[in-house]
Amino acid sequence: MKPGEFTFAMVKPTAVKLGRLVPILNEIDLAGFRVIAMKMTRLSKSQAERFYAVHKDRPFYQGLVEFMSSGPVVAMVLQKENAVQDFRKLIGNTNPELAEEGTIRKKFALSVQENAIHGSDSDDNACIEANFFFSQFEIFPINEQY
């Protein structure tokens, strides 16, 4: 896959626990994204520390690690033209109070930390994050040959 054609997303523990997975997947589908890899898993504290290492010097880091390792998450690779930018628009602002109406975070988030879903912020990070959770044998891009 080429950069720009995919992004990484992760439904966070509270959204999974509250049964928001299917409604969130519906929003993703209606926005034209194709799920090309998906798994439910639970991050260990060490895995959460590695995944969010870019934030390790920020004051919210330890709370984020604790939250992300507190229960199951659903990791996904999504395919669509202009995937990263379109997905960021679909999920909305990290703070659900500031998120636009109709966005996933506005509809399903409880707070800044429990904001329902993670989405990659760049094509480079989409690749890094997808590779954190999935091997090349677990990602099935949709193409004209199917």
Protein backbone atom coordinates (compact mmCIF):
# COMPACT_ATOMS: atom_id res chain seq x y z
CA MET A 1 0.00 0.00 0.00
CA LYS A 2 1.08 3.53 -0.67
CA PRO A 3 1.16 6.28 1.96
CA GLY A 4 -2.11 8.15 1.98
CA GLU A 5 -4.17 5.05 1.19
CA PHE A 6 -4.42 3.74 4.77
CA THR A 7 -4.49 4.77 8.39
CA PHE A 8 -4.37 3.11 11.79
CA ALA A 9 -7.25 3.34 14.28
CA MET A 10 -7.84 1.91 17.74
CA VAL A 11 -11.10 1.83 19.68
CA LYS A 12 -10.12 2.54 23.28
CA PRO A 13 -10.97 0.50 26.41
CA THR A 14 -13.94 2.50 27.68
CA ALA A 15 -15.65 2.54 24.27
CA VAL A 16 -15.17 -1.24 24.00
CA LYS A 17 -16.45 -1.78 27.56
CA LEU A 18 -19.54 0.37 26.96
CA GLY A 19 -20.48 -1.51 23.79
CA ARG A 20 -19.64 1.33 21.40
CA LEU A 21 -17.56 -0.83 19.01
CA VAL A 22 -20.33 -1.67 16.53
CA PRO A 23 -21.71 1.89 16.33
CA ILE A 24 -18.16 3.21 15.83
CA LEU A 25 -17.49 0.61 13.11
CA ASN A 26 -20.73 1.68 11.45
CA GLU A 27 -19.57 5.31 11.39
CA ILE A 28 -16.26 4.22 9.86
CA ASP A 29 -18.04 2.16 7.21
CA LEU A 30 -20.51 4.93 6.34
CA ALA A 31 -17.55 7.31 5.84
CA GLY A 32 -16.19 5.04 3.11
CA PHE A 33 -13.33 3.37 4.96
CA ARG A 34 -12.61 -0.32 4.40
CA VAL A 35 -11.34 -2.38 7.34
CA ILE A 36 -8.33 -4.30 6.00
CA ALA A 37 -7.04 -5.57 9.35
CA MET A 38 -8.68 -5.77 12.77
CA LYS A 39 -8.10 -7.47 16.11
CA MET A 40 -9.26 -7.21 19.68
CA THR A 41 -6.39 -7.34 22.12
CA ARG A 42 -5.32 -6.01 25.49
CA LEU A 43 -2.16 -3.94 25.75
CA SER A 44 0.20 -4.75 28.57
CA LYS A 45 1.56 -1.75 30.45
CA SER A 46 4.88 -2.23 28.64
CA GLN A 47 3.19 -2.31 25.22
CA ALA A 48 1.18 0.82 26.02
CA GLU A 49 4.40 2.54 27.13
CA ARG A 50 6.06 1.65 23.81
CA PHE A 51 3.06 2.61 21.69
CA TYR A 52 2.75 6.03 23.37
CA ALA A 53 6.50 6.59 23.88
CA VAL A 54 6.30 9.80 21.84
CA HIS A 55 4.38 11.29 24.80
CA LYS A 56 6.65 9.99 27.59
CA ASP A 57 7.72 13.47 28.73
CA ARG A 58 4.18 14.85 28.84
CA PRO A 59 2.22 15.11 32.09
CA PHE A 60 -0.62 12.87 30.86
CA TYR A 61 1.66 9.97 29.81
CA GLN A 62 1.33 7.72 32.88
CA GLY A 63 -2.43 8.16 33.01
CA LEU A 64 -2.67 7.36 29.31
CA VAL A 65 -0.58 4.20 29.75
CA GLU A 66 -2.72 3.07 32.68
CA PHE A 67 -5.94 3.75 30.78
CA MET A 68 -4.83 2.06 27.55
CA SER A 69 -3.75 -1.07 29.43
CA SER A 70 -6.96 -1.17 31.53
CA GLY A 71 -9.03 -3.30 29.14
CA PRO A 72 -9.43 -4.61 25.62
CA VAL A 73 -8.89 -2.37 22.59
CA VAL A 74 -9.75 -2.97 18.95
CA ALA A 75 -6.89 -2.15 16.58
CA MET A 76 -7.60 -1.60 12.87
CA VAL A 77 -5.97 -0.67 9.61
CA LEU A 78 -8.37 1.27 7.42
CA GLN A 79 -8.09 1.85 3.69
CA LYS A 80 -9.33 4.88 1.76
CA GLU A 81 -7.89 7.63 -0.41
CA ASN A 82 -6.56 10.46 1.80
CA ALA A 83 -7.08 8.11 4.75
CA VAL A 84 -5.22 9.92 7.55
CA GLN A 85 -6.76 13.33 6.96
CA ASP A 86 -10.26 11.98 6.30
CA PHE A 87 -10.14 9.82 9.42
CA ARG A 88 -8.91 12.67 11.62
CA LYS A 89 -11.87 14.71 10.40
CA LEU A 90 -14.27 11.80 11.08
CA ILE A 91 -13.09 11.30 14.67
CA GLY A 92 -12.92 14.98 15.62
CA ASN A 93 -11.02 16.88 18.28
CA THR A 94 -9.34 14.94 21.10
CA ASN A 95 -11.50 16.92 23.51
CA PRO A 96 -15.08 15.78 22.84
CA GLU A 97 -16.41 19.11 24.12
CA LEU A 98 -14.57 20.83 21.27
CA ALA A 99 -15.27 18.17 18.64
CA GLU A 100 -17.61 19.03 15.80
CA GLU A 101 -21.15 17.66 15.86
CA GLY A 102 -21.40 14.29 14.14
CA THR A 103 -17.81 13.22 14.81
CA ILE A 104 -17.05 9.93 16.55
CA ARG A 105 -15.57 11.63 19.60
CA LYS A 106 -18.51 14.01 19.92
CA LYS A 107 -20.92 11.05 19.82
CA PHE A 108 -19.04 8.45 21.88
CA ALA A 109 -16.27 10.00 24.01
CA LEU A 110 -16.59 10.55 27.75
CA SER A 111 -13.61 12.87 28.21
CA VAL A 112 -10.28 13.94 26.69
CA GLN A 113 -8.61 10.78 28.00
CA GLU A 114 -11.56 8.48 27.36
CA ASN A 115 -12.07 9.88 23.88
CA ALA A 116 -13.28 6.58 22.36
CA ILE A 117 -10.80 6.24 19.49
CA HIS A 118 -7.24 6.80 18.39
CA GLY A 119 -6.34 7.77 14.82
CA SER A 120 -2.90 8.22 13.28
CA ASP A 121 -1.86 11.84 12.79
CA SER A 122 0.41 11.31 9.76
CA ASP A 123 1.13 8.82 7.00
CA ASP A 124 4.44 7.93 8.69
CA ASN A 125 2.75 7.27 12.03
CA ALA A 126 0.01 5.26 10.32
CA CYS A 127 2.71 2.90 9.06
CA ILE A 128 4.53 2.72 12.41
CA GLU A 129 1.32 2.15 14.37
CA ALA A 130 -0.09 -0.43 11.94
CA ASN A 131 3.20 -2.33 12.11
CA PHE A 132 3.09 -2.22 15.92
CA PHE A 133 -0.10 -4.32 15.93
CA PHE A 134 -0.08 -6.25 12.64
CA SER A 135 2.33 -8.28 10.54
CA GLN A 136 2.29 -8.01 6.75
CA PHE A 137 0.36 -11.30 6.71
CA GLU A 138 -2.53 -9.82 8.71
CA ILE A 139 -3.28 -6.81 6.48
CA PHE A 140 -5.45 -7.41 3.40
CA PRO A 141 -5.63 -4.34 1.16
CA ILE A 142 -8.63 -4.15 -1.11
CA ASN A 143 -7.68 -3.83 -4.75
CA GLU A 144 -9.20 -4.34 -8.17
CA GLN A 145 -8.04 -7.98 -8.30
CA TYR A 146 -10.48 -9.19 -5.62
